[in-house]
Amino acid sequence: MSLQDHVDNQTEPREKARLAILSAIAEQAEATKDFTAQAAAPALRDLAEAYAWIASPGNSH
């Protein structure tokens, strides 16, 4: 078993989701760096909202 497989097997689903969302935020930010703020904002806002739900599920969003 590789180290990555071990980490994947030991990581909670919530943590996997958090890491996936952080990765998506970074990818989206890079992909939209040449866009206007108005064009880039909706996707980044949606990803930020998804992160908020994962990071603090007990808070109202």
C-alpha atoms as a PDB file:
ATOM      1  CA  MET A   1       0.000   0.000   0.000  1.00  0.00           C
ATOM      2  CA  SER A   2       1.349   3.399  -0.950  1.00  0.00           C
ATOM      3  CA  LEU A   3       1.493   6.289   1.480  1.00  0.00           C
ATOM      4  CA  GLN A   4      -1.204   8.070  -0.534  1.00  0.00           C
ATOM      5  CA  ASP A   5      -3.472   5.026  -0.325  1.00  0.00           C
ATOM      6  CA  HIS A   6      -2.916   4.900   3.421  1.00  0.00           C
ATOM      7  CA  VAL A   7      -3.740   8.596   3.797  1.00  0.00           C
ATOM      8  CA  ASP A   8      -6.816   8.196   1.596  1.00  0.00           C
ATOM      9  CA  ASN A   9      -8.026   5.279   3.704  1.00  0.00           C
ATOM     10  CA  GLN A  10      -7.473   7.181   6.962  1.00  0.00           C
ATOM     11  CA  THR A  11      -9.051  10.449   5.921  1.00  0.00           C
ATOM     12  CA  GLU A  12     -12.620  11.098   7.007  1.00  0.00           C
ATOM     13  CA  PRO A  13     -15.171  11.816   4.266  1.00  0.00           C
ATOM     14  CA  ARG A  14     -15.687  15.326   5.656  1.00  0.00           C
ATOM     15  CA  GLU A  15     -11.941  16.018   5.445  1.00  0.00           C
ATOM     16  CA  LYS A  16     -11.821  14.602   1.922  1.00  0.00           C
ATOM     17  CA  ALA A  17     -14.655  16.942   0.964  1.00  0.00           C
ATOM     18  CA  ARG A  18     -12.883  19.900   2.567  1.00  0.00           C
ATOM     19  CA  LEU A  19      -9.674  19.154   0.674  1.00  0.00           C
ATOM     20  CA  ALA A  20     -11.566  18.683  -2.594  1.00  0.00           C
ATOM     21  CA  ILE A  21     -13.320  22.026  -2.180  1.00  0.00           C
ATOM     22  CA  LEU A  22     -10.056  23.800  -1.354  1.00  0.00           C
ATOM     23  CA  SER A  23      -8.534  22.279  -4.473  1.00  0.00           C
ATOM     24  CA  ALA A  24     -11.516  23.383  -6.560  1.00  0.00           C
ATOM     25  CA  ILE A  25     -11.264  26.922  -5.162  1.00  0.00           C
ATOM     26  CA  ALA A  26      -7.581  27.104  -6.112  1.00  0.00           C
ATOM     27  CA  GLU A  27      -8.282  25.724  -9.591  1.00  0.00           C
ATOM     28  CA  GLN A  28     -11.198  28.098 -10.148  1.00  0.00           C
ATOM     29  CA  ALA A  29      -9.203  31.094  -8.939  1.00  0.00           C
ATOM     30  CA  GLU A  30      -6.381  30.211 -11.341  1.00  0.00           C
ATOM     31  CA  ALA A  31      -8.780  29.583 -14.225  1.00  0.00           C
ATOM     32  CA  THR A  32     -10.533  32.919 -13.743  1.00  0.00           C
ATOM     33  CA  LYS A  33      -7.539  35.126 -12.930  1.00  0.00           C
ATOM     34  CA  ASP A  34      -7.936  36.995 -16.222  1.00  0.00           C
ATOM     35  CA  PHE A  35     -11.717  37.368 -15.863  1.00  0.00           C
ATOM     36  CA  THR A  36     -13.425  40.426 -14.498  1.00  0.00           C
ATOM     37  CA  ALA A  37     -14.479  40.193 -10.873  1.00  0.00           C
ATOM     38  CA  GLN A  38     -18.106  40.145 -11.972  1.00  0.00           C
ATOM     39  CA  ALA A  39     -17.506  37.128 -14.222  1.00  0.00           C
ATOM     40  CA  ALA A  40     -15.404  35.200 -11.684  1.00  0.00           C
ATOM     41  CA  ALA A  41     -17.469  35.912  -8.580  1.00  0.00           C
ATOM     42  CA  PRO A  42     -20.409  33.469  -8.946  1.00  0.00           C
ATOM     43  CA  ALA A  43     -18.304  30.301  -9.156  1.00  0.00           C
ATOM     44  CA  LEU A  44     -15.966  31.409  -6.382  1.00  0.00           C
ATOM     45  CA  ARG A  45     -18.918  32.424  -4.196  1.00  0.00           C
ATOM     46  CA  ASP A  46     -20.537  29.015  -4.672  1.00  0.00           C
ATOM     47  CA  LEU A  47     -17.294  27.244  -3.770  1.00  0.00           C
ATOM     48  CA  ALA A  48     -16.848  29.462  -0.713  1.00  0.00           C
ATOM     49  CA  GLU A  49     -20.382  28.601   0.387  1.00  0.00           C
ATOM     50  CA  ALA A  50     -19.654  24.890  -0.051  1.00  0.00           C
ATOM     51  CA  TYR A  51     -16.513  25.285   2.040  1.00  0.00           C
ATOM     52  CA  ALA A  52     -18.464  27.092   4.751  1.00  0.00           C
ATOM     53  CA  TRP A  53     -20.934  24.201   4.983  1.00  0.00           C
ATOM     54  CA  ILE A  54     -18.079  21.679   5.340  1.00  0.00           C
ATOM     55  CA  ALA A  55     -15.972  23.783   7.726  1.00  0.00           C
ATOM     56  CA  SER A  56     -18.822  24.927   9.996  1.00  0.00           C
ATOM     57  CA  PRO A  57     -21.912  22.803   9.405  1.00  0.00           C
ATOM     58  CA  GLY A  58     -23.557  24.000  12.617  1.00  0.00           C
ATOM     59  CA  ASN A  59     -23.598  27.649  11.576  1.00  0.00           C
ATOM     60  CA  SER A  60     -26.295  29.218   9.455  1.00  0.00           C
ATOM     61  CA  HIS A  61     -25.139  29.993   5.934  1.00  0.00           C
END
